[in-house]
Protein backbone atom coordinates (compact mmCIF):
# COMPACT_ATOMS: atom_id res chain seq x y z
CA MET A 1 -19.04 64.57 -58.53
CA THR A 2 -22.42 65.06 -56.86
CA ASN A 3 -22.98 67.92 -54.45
CA ALA A 4 -23.04 65.45 -51.56
CA VAL A 5 -19.65 64.11 -52.56
CA ALA A 6 -18.27 67.59 -53.16
CA ASP A 7 -19.41 68.72 -49.73
CA THR A 8 -17.52 65.97 -47.93
CA PHE A 9 -14.45 65.46 -50.12
CA GLU A 10 -11.32 67.37 -49.07
CA THR A 11 -10.55 68.79 -52.51
CA ASN A 12 -7.92 71.33 -51.50
CA ALA A 13 -5.99 68.83 -49.40
CA PHE A 14 -6.16 66.29 -52.23
CA ARG A 15 -4.80 68.82 -54.74
CA LYS A 16 -1.98 69.94 -52.45
CA ASN A 17 -0.90 66.43 -51.45
CA LEU A 18 -1.01 65.13 -55.02
CA THR A 19 0.89 67.96 -56.73
CA SER A 20 3.48 68.18 -53.93
CA TRP A 21 4.13 64.44 -54.22
CA PHE A 22 4.39 64.67 -58.01
CA ALA A 23 6.95 67.49 -57.79
CA ILE A 24 9.23 65.26 -55.74
CA HIS A 25 8.61 61.79 -57.17
CA LYS A 26 7.90 62.32 -60.88
CA ARG A 27 9.99 60.26 -63.23
CA GLU A 28 12.40 61.91 -65.63
CA LEU A 29 10.83 61.16 -69.01
CA PRO A 30 11.92 62.59 -72.37
CA TRP A 31 8.53 64.11 -73.17
CA ARG A 32 8.62 66.03 -69.91
CA GLU A 33 11.82 67.83 -70.86
CA GLU A 34 9.92 70.17 -73.15
CA SER A 35 6.13 69.97 -72.94
CA THR A 36 5.20 71.43 -76.31
CA PRO A 37 1.80 70.40 -77.73
CA TYR A 38 3.44 68.28 -80.44
CA ARG A 39 5.75 66.42 -78.04
CA VAL A 40 2.96 65.79 -75.54
CA TRP A 41 0.70 64.61 -78.36
CA VAL A 42 3.24 62.12 -79.72
CA SER A 43 4.00 60.74 -76.25
CA GLU A 44 0.34 60.24 -75.37
CA ILE A 45 -0.37 58.41 -78.63
CA MET A 46 2.62 56.13 -78.05
CA LEU A 47 1.64 55.47 -74.44
CA GLN A 48 -1.78 54.13 -75.39
CA GLN A 49 -1.75 50.43 -74.43
CA THR A 50 2.06 50.49 -74.18
CA ARG A 51 4.37 50.55 -71.17
CA VAL A 52 6.48 53.64 -70.43
CA ASP A 53 9.77 51.72 -70.50
CA THR A 54 8.91 50.37 -73.93
CA VAL A 55 7.92 53.77 -75.28
CA ILE A 56 11.01 55.77 -74.23
CA PRO A 57 13.46 54.60 -76.95
CA TYR A 58 10.74 54.72 -79.61
CA TYR A 59 9.80 58.25 -78.60
CA GLU A 60 13.39 59.45 -78.72
CA GLN A 61 13.94 57.90 -82.16
CA PHE A 62 10.62 59.24 -83.43
CA MET A 63 11.46 62.80 -82.36
CA ARG A 64 14.91 62.53 -83.97
CA THR A 65 13.30 61.38 -87.22
CA PHE A 66 10.34 63.78 -87.10
CA PRO A 67 11.41 66.75 -84.93
CA THR A 68 8.61 68.96 -86.24
CA MET A 69 5.04 68.43 -87.32
CA THR A 70 6.02 69.37 -90.86
CA ASP A 71 8.58 66.54 -90.89
CA LEU A 72 5.91 64.07 -89.80
CA ALA A 73 3.30 65.44 -92.20
CA GLU A 74 5.65 65.00 -95.16
CA ALA A 75 6.96 61.54 -94.23
CA ASP A 76 6.39 58.64 -96.64
CA GLU A 77 4.57 55.54 -95.43
CA ASP A 78 7.57 53.21 -95.36
CA THR A 79 9.64 55.60 -93.24
CA LEU A 80 6.69 56.21 -90.93
CA LEU A 81 6.01 52.50 -90.35
CA LYS A 82 9.70 51.62 -90.02
CA THR A 83 10.09 54.24 -87.28
CA TRP A 84 7.06 52.79 -85.47
CA GLU A 85 8.10 49.17 -86.10
CA GLY A 86 7.61 47.02 -83.01
CA LEU A 87 5.29 49.37 -81.12
CA GLY A 88 2.16 47.73 -82.48
CA TYR A 89 -1.32 49.21 -82.96
CA TYR A 90 -0.11 50.83 -86.18
CA SER A 91 -3.38 52.67 -86.75
CA ARG A 92 -2.17 55.02 -84.01
CA VAL A 93 0.69 56.40 -86.08
CA ARG A 94 -1.39 56.54 -89.26
CA ASN A 95 -4.04 58.57 -87.48
CA LEU A 96 -1.37 60.73 -85.88
CA GLN A 97 0.12 61.59 -89.24
CA SER A 98 -3.31 62.36 -90.73
CA ALA A 99 -4.14 64.64 -87.81
CA VAL A 100 -0.75 66.37 -87.93
CA ARG A 101 -1.26 67.03 -91.63
CA GLU A 102 -4.57 68.67 -90.78
CA VAL A 103 -2.90 70.84 -88.14
CA VAL A 104 -0.19 71.89 -90.60
CA GLU A 105 -2.67 72.64 -93.36
CA GLU A 106 -5.62 74.07 -91.42
CA TYR A 107 -4.05 75.57 -88.28
CA GLY A 108 -0.71 76.81 -89.60
CA GLY A 109 1.21 74.17 -87.68
CA GLU A 110 -0.19 75.22 -84.28
CA VAL A 111 -2.09 72.55 -82.33
CA PRO A 112 -5.47 74.12 -81.44
CA ASP A 113 -6.07 74.91 -77.78
CA SER A 114 -9.79 74.19 -77.47
CA ARG A 115 -11.20 70.79 -76.56
CA GLU A 116 -13.67 70.79 -79.44
CA ALA A 117 -10.97 71.51 -82.02
CA VAL A 118 -8.44 69.06 -80.60
CA GLU A 119 -10.98 66.24 -80.31
CA SER A 120 -11.98 66.77 -83.93
CA LEU A 121 -8.50 65.63 -85.02
CA LYS A 122 -8.25 62.04 -86.21
CA GLY A 123 -7.27 59.59 -83.50
CA VAL A 124 -7.55 62.16 -80.69
CA GLY A 125 -10.06 61.14 -78.03
CA PRO A 126 -11.10 62.85 -74.80
CA TYR A 127 -8.08 61.58 -72.84
CA THR A 128 -5.44 62.68 -75.35
CA ALA A 129 -7.18 66.02 -75.80
CA GLY A 130 -7.24 66.58 -72.05
CA ALA A 131 -3.56 65.66 -71.75
CA ILE A 132 -2.52 68.10 -74.49
CA LEU A 133 -4.67 70.92 -73.16
CA SER A 134 -3.64 70.55 -69.51
CA ILE A 135 0.06 69.65 -69.90
CA ALA A 136 0.99 71.79 -72.90
CA TYR A 137 -1.48 74.67 -72.54
CA GLY A 138 -2.13 74.69 -68.78
CA LYS A 139 -5.89 74.46 -69.18
CA PRO A 140 -8.00 72.85 -66.41
CA GLU A 141 -9.23 69.99 -68.58
CA PRO A 142 -9.56 66.39 -67.33
CA ALA A 143 -7.55 63.54 -68.86
CA VAL A 144 -9.15 60.23 -67.93
CA ASP A 145 -7.29 57.02 -68.78
CA GLY A 146 -7.16 53.62 -67.09
CA ASN A 147 -4.69 54.73 -64.42
CA VAL A 148 -6.78 57.78 -63.57
CA MET A 149 -10.02 55.78 -63.38
CA ARG A 150 -8.38 53.28 -61.06
CA VAL A 151 -7.16 56.06 -58.73
CA LEU A 152 -10.48 57.90 -58.71
CA SER A 153 -12.58 54.77 -58.25
CA ARG A 154 -10.65 54.15 -55.03
CA VAL A 155 -10.34 57.75 -53.85
CA LEU A 156 -14.03 58.52 -54.43
CA LEU A 157 -15.25 54.96 -53.73
CA ILE A 158 -16.99 54.55 -57.07
CA SER A 159 -17.97 50.97 -57.86
CA ASP A 160 -19.47 51.54 -61.31
CA ASP A 161 -18.03 49.49 -64.17
CA ILE A 162 -15.09 51.48 -65.60
CA SER A 163 -15.42 49.76 -68.98
CA LYS A 164 -18.66 51.64 -69.59
CA GLN A 165 -18.61 55.04 -71.30
CA LYS A 166 -21.03 56.58 -68.78
CA THR A 167 -18.58 55.79 -65.96
CA ARG A 168 -15.77 57.57 -67.80
CA LYS A 169 -18.07 60.58 -68.15
CA GLN A 170 -18.73 60.42 -64.42
CA PHE A 171 -14.99 60.60 -63.71
CA GLU A 172 -14.54 63.48 -66.17
CA GLN A 173 -17.28 65.44 -64.44
CA ALA A 174 -15.70 64.78 -61.05
CA LEU A 175 -12.32 65.98 -62.31
CA TYR A 176 -13.72 69.29 -63.53
CA GLU A 177 -14.47 69.96 -59.86
CA MET A 178 -11.30 68.39 -58.44
CA ILE A 179 -8.59 69.60 -60.86
CA ASP A 180 -6.19 72.24 -59.58
CA PRO A 181 -6.86 75.35 -61.73
CA ARG A 182 -3.48 76.80 -60.73
CA ASP A 183 -1.49 73.81 -61.97
CA PRO A 184 -3.64 71.44 -64.04
CA SER A 185 -0.53 69.95 -65.66
CA SER A 186 0.94 68.70 -62.37
CA PHE A 187 -2.49 67.61 -61.17
CA ASN A 188 -3.25 65.45 -64.20
CA GLN A 189 0.26 64.08 -64.49
CA GLY A 190 0.23 63.44 -60.75
CA LEU A 191 -2.89 61.29 -61.09
CA MET A 192 -1.32 59.35 -63.95
CA GLU A 193 1.94 58.90 -62.03
CA LEU A 194 0.14 57.84 -58.87
CA GLY A 195 -1.72 55.15 -60.80
CA ALA A 196 1.49 53.95 -62.43
CA LEU A 197 3.74 53.89 -59.36
CA VAL A 198 1.59 53.59 -56.21
CA CYS A 199 -2.11 52.98 -56.83
CA THR A 200 -1.38 49.91 -58.95
CA PRO A 201 -3.95 47.33 -60.16
CA THR A 202 -2.92 44.77 -57.54
CA SER A 203 -1.29 45.28 -54.15
CA PRO A 204 -1.55 49.10 -54.16
CA GLY A 205 1.09 50.83 -52.04
CA CYS A 206 -1.34 52.59 -49.75
CA LEU A 207 1.23 53.28 -47.02
CA LEU A 208 3.24 55.32 -49.56
CA CYS A 209 0.23 57.11 -51.02
CA PRO A 210 0.20 60.91 -50.66
CA VAL A 211 -3.62 61.05 -50.75
CA ARG A 212 -4.26 58.13 -48.40
CA GLU A 213 -6.07 60.39 -45.94
CA GLN A 214 -8.53 61.46 -48.67
CA CYS A 215 -9.04 57.93 -50.03
CA ARG A 216 -12.45 56.52 -49.15
CA ALA A 217 -11.64 53.01 -50.33
CA TYR A 218 -8.60 52.89 -48.03
CA GLU A 219 -10.71 54.18 -45.16
CA GLN A 220 -13.11 51.26 -45.64
CA GLY A 221 -10.40 48.72 -46.53
CA VAL A 222 -11.80 47.91 -49.96
CA GLN A 223 -9.07 49.41 -52.18
CA GLU A 224 -8.12 46.04 -53.69
CA GLU A 225 -11.73 45.40 -54.74
CA LEU A 226 -11.73 48.47 -56.99
CA PRO A 227 -12.03 49.36 -59.78
CA VAL A 228 -14.88 47.22 -61.05
CA LYS A 229 -14.39 46.18 -64.67
CA SER A 230 -16.37 43.68 -66.72
CA LYS A 231 -14.41 40.86 -68.32
CA LYS A 232 -13.47 41.06 -72.00
CA LYS A 233 -14.83 38.60 -74.51
CA LYS A 234 -12.57 35.63 -75.18
CA ALA A 235 -10.16 36.34 -78.02
CA LYS A 236 -10.74 34.52 -81.31
CA GLU A 237 -7.98 32.07 -82.28
CA LYS A 238 -6.64 31.48 -85.79
CA GLU A 239 -4.15 29.02 -87.28
CA LEU A 240 -1.74 30.51 -89.82
CA ALA A 241 1.00 29.16 -92.03
CA SER A 242 3.85 31.53 -92.86
CA PHE A 243 6.33 30.75 -95.62
CA LEU A 244 10.00 31.55 -96.10
CA LEU A 245 10.22 31.23 -99.87
CA ARG A 246 13.59 31.55 -101.62
CA SER A 247 14.43 31.96 -105.29
CA LYS A 248 17.23 29.99 -106.95
CA GLU A 249 19.37 33.14 -106.55
CA GLY A 250 18.73 33.06 -102.80
CA LYS A 251 16.39 36.04 -102.62
CA VAL A 252 13.49 36.09 -100.16
CA LEU A 253 9.86 36.66 -101.09
CA ILE A 254 7.99 39.19 -98.93
CA GLU A 255 4.54 40.67 -99.27
CA LYS A 256 2.92 43.91 -98.21
CA ARG A 257 -0.27 43.63 -96.20
CA PRO A 258 -3.38 45.48 -97.44
CA SER A 259 -3.57 49.25 -96.93
CA THR A 260 -6.48 48.85 -94.50
CA GLY A 261 -7.21 46.52 -91.63
CA LEU A 262 -4.95 44.78 -89.13
CA LEU A 263 -1.22 45.64 -89.48
CA ALA A 264 -2.03 47.62 -92.64
CA GLY A 265 0.88 48.40 -94.94
CA LEU A 266 3.46 46.31 -93.08
CA TRP A 267 5.59 43.62 -94.70
CA GLN A 268 5.58 39.91 -93.93
CA PHE A 269 6.57 36.54 -95.26
CA PRO A 270 3.76 35.13 -97.43
CA GLN A 271 1.05 33.90 -95.10
CA VAL A 272 -2.26 32.03 -95.32
CA GLU A 273 -4.90 30.99 -92.82
CA VAL A 274 -5.36 27.23 -92.52
CA ALA A 275 -8.23 25.20 -91.11
CA ASP A 276 -6.02 22.32 -89.99
CA PRO A 277 -2.29 23.01 -89.36
CA SER A 278 -1.48 19.31 -89.69
CA ASN A 279 -3.06 19.04 -93.17
CA GLU A 280 -0.07 19.25 -95.50
CA VAL A 281 -2.21 18.88 -98.66
CA GLU A 282 -4.39 21.85 -97.72
CA ARG A 283 -1.37 23.96 -96.82
CA LYS A 284 0.49 23.26 -100.05
CA GLN A 285 -2.61 23.85 -102.17
CA LEU A 286 -3.29 27.21 -100.50
CA LEU A 287 0.31 28.22 -101.04
CA LYS A 288 0.25 27.13 -104.68
CA ASP A 289 -3.03 28.91 -105.39
CA THR A 290 -1.76 32.14 -103.84
CA TYR A 291 1.94 32.29 -104.66
CA GLY A 292 2.71 29.76 -107.36
CA PRO A 293 4.36 26.31 -107.44
CA GLN A 294 7.26 25.30 -105.19
CA THR A 295 10.00 22.77 -105.71
CA SER A 296 10.00 21.84 -102.02
CA LEU A 297 8.33 22.77 -98.76
CA GLU A 298 9.48 21.75 -95.29
CA SER A 299 8.47 22.57 -91.75
CA SER A 300 10.79 24.67 -89.59
CA ASN A 301 11.06 24.78 -85.80
CA ALA A 302 9.61 28.29 -85.82
CA ASP A 303 6.23 28.02 -84.15
CA ILE A 304 4.97 31.12 -82.35
CA THR A 305 1.81 32.48 -80.79
CA HIS A 306 1.02 36.17 -81.10
CA VAL A 307 -1.69 37.79 -79.00
CA PHE A 308 -3.66 40.84 -80.09
CA SER A 309 -6.29 42.48 -77.88
CA HIS A 310 -9.09 40.58 -79.64
CA LEU A 311 -7.28 37.87 -81.54
CA VAL A 312 -4.72 35.10 -81.04
CA TRP A 313 -2.60 33.88 -83.95
CA HIS A 314 -0.83 30.51 -83.88
CA ILE A 315 1.81 30.64 -86.62
CA GLN A 316 3.90 27.80 -88.04
CA LEU A 317 6.73 28.63 -90.43
CA TYR A 318 7.53 26.54 -93.49
CA TYR A 319 10.35 27.04 -95.96
CA GLY A 320 10.96 26.12 -99.56
CA ARG A 321 11.91 27.30 -103.04
CA VAL A 322 9.66 28.91 -105.64
CA LYS A 323 9.84 28.04 -109.33
CA ASP A 324 7.88 30.96 -110.75
CA GLN A 325 9.56 34.31 -110.16
CA ASP A 326 7.36 36.39 -112.47
CA LEU A 327 5.72 38.72 -109.97
CA HIS A 328 4.95 41.68 -112.24
CA LYS A 329 1.23 41.10 -111.77
CA HIS A 330 1.56 41.03 -107.99
CA VAL A 331 2.43 44.55 -106.83
CA HIS A 332 2.20 43.48 -103.19
CA LEU A 333 4.99 40.89 -103.58
CA ARG A 334 8.70 41.66 -103.71
CA TRP A 335 11.95 39.71 -103.99
CA VAL A 336 14.65 41.08 -101.69
CA ASP A 337 18.16 40.11 -100.67
CA VAL A 338 18.48 38.82 -97.12
CA HIS A 339 20.48 41.87 -96.01
CA GLU A 340 17.67 44.11 -97.28
CA LEU A 341 15.06 42.69 -94.87
CA GLU A 342 15.98 45.14 -92.12
CA ALA A 343 15.01 48.07 -94.37
CA TYR A 344 11.35 46.97 -94.34
CA ALA A 345 8.84 47.43 -91.51
CA PHE A 346 7.73 44.03 -90.19
CA PRO A 347 5.21 43.45 -87.36
CA VAL A 348 6.56 41.96 -84.13
CA PHE A 349 5.47 38.40 -84.83
CA GLN A 350 7.27 38.47 -88.18
CA GLN A 351 10.42 39.79 -86.54
CA LYS A 352 10.26 36.77 -84.23
CA LEU A 353 10.00 34.47 -87.23
CA ILE A 354 12.92 36.17 -88.94
CA ASN A 355 15.07 35.81 -85.82
CA GLN A 356 14.22 32.12 -85.61
CA CYS A 357 15.11 31.69 -89.27
CA TYR A 358 18.57 33.12 -88.53
CA GLU A 359 18.92 30.75 -85.56
CA GLU A 360 18.01 27.76 -87.74
CA GLY A 361 20.37 28.86 -90.50
CA LEU A 362 17.53 29.37 -92.97
CA LEU A 363 18.62 32.96 -93.66
């Protein structure tokens, strides 16, 4: 915040109105029941790019499975991924576990309380660090996420592109001057809550807003024009063929994805990328080259589209039987009974395929 802005902005009134509103209107969320550094940390990692309503049951299950940082640090990969199954962005939980292990080993199980130390942990950026420090430790540190940038762009009438790093820095600097030093936890959570419930991306509820009188965008009637954000690049599209392959004993072939990259370490039905989904010869040859010969291969009705932030997959499921069951050389492949499928962590799009297989009577 520049001196000119600071001189004219009603900081004290903004603080009072925001924290008073938050005290009355805050939602009852499981991570607010006990704001320890570990619980705040887990919740903030889960909430990245994921809706609150979606996170709640996952958070509760995660904390039952890993009630302490030691429990999480010692967890094996399959248990970790199964607990996270369906939340997506699996690198989040891998980084979380790596960082928790560092805290257990290097800090005696106590999350550090300085910004430099917290931000040095794997997967912890400026926002998550600010949330931990302000909510769990009561330190006047900013926590700038998308909700907060939307609120501040309107309140302070900032029209800079919020997708740029320098704009985020601008908001952080403004918050160091605006944050309530007496109650930074309520201040930061109040900003987040305001963005989630009132100062929404479209049709903001200005008449219900506790800081309407301090909002410069509202004063000028331009609140729906902010924030300014450049458009993302168009997502790349890929055609994939996924295969439900059964042995003569009725077992199902599944494979583990590589340990790095997209959806690392999760399980799936065998899958290949195809240039032309309608080219049966190409599809069968790719399948044969990768997984061995089949006695039959037919198309199912399972045809789904799965959207990532940067990628769109169009997936068609085929089913058939496999002659060669000698998989000793393929450590990433495994034959399992149908009832065992639920014990493995599958990404969301594979869960959709599995459900469709049940509906079609293929499983």
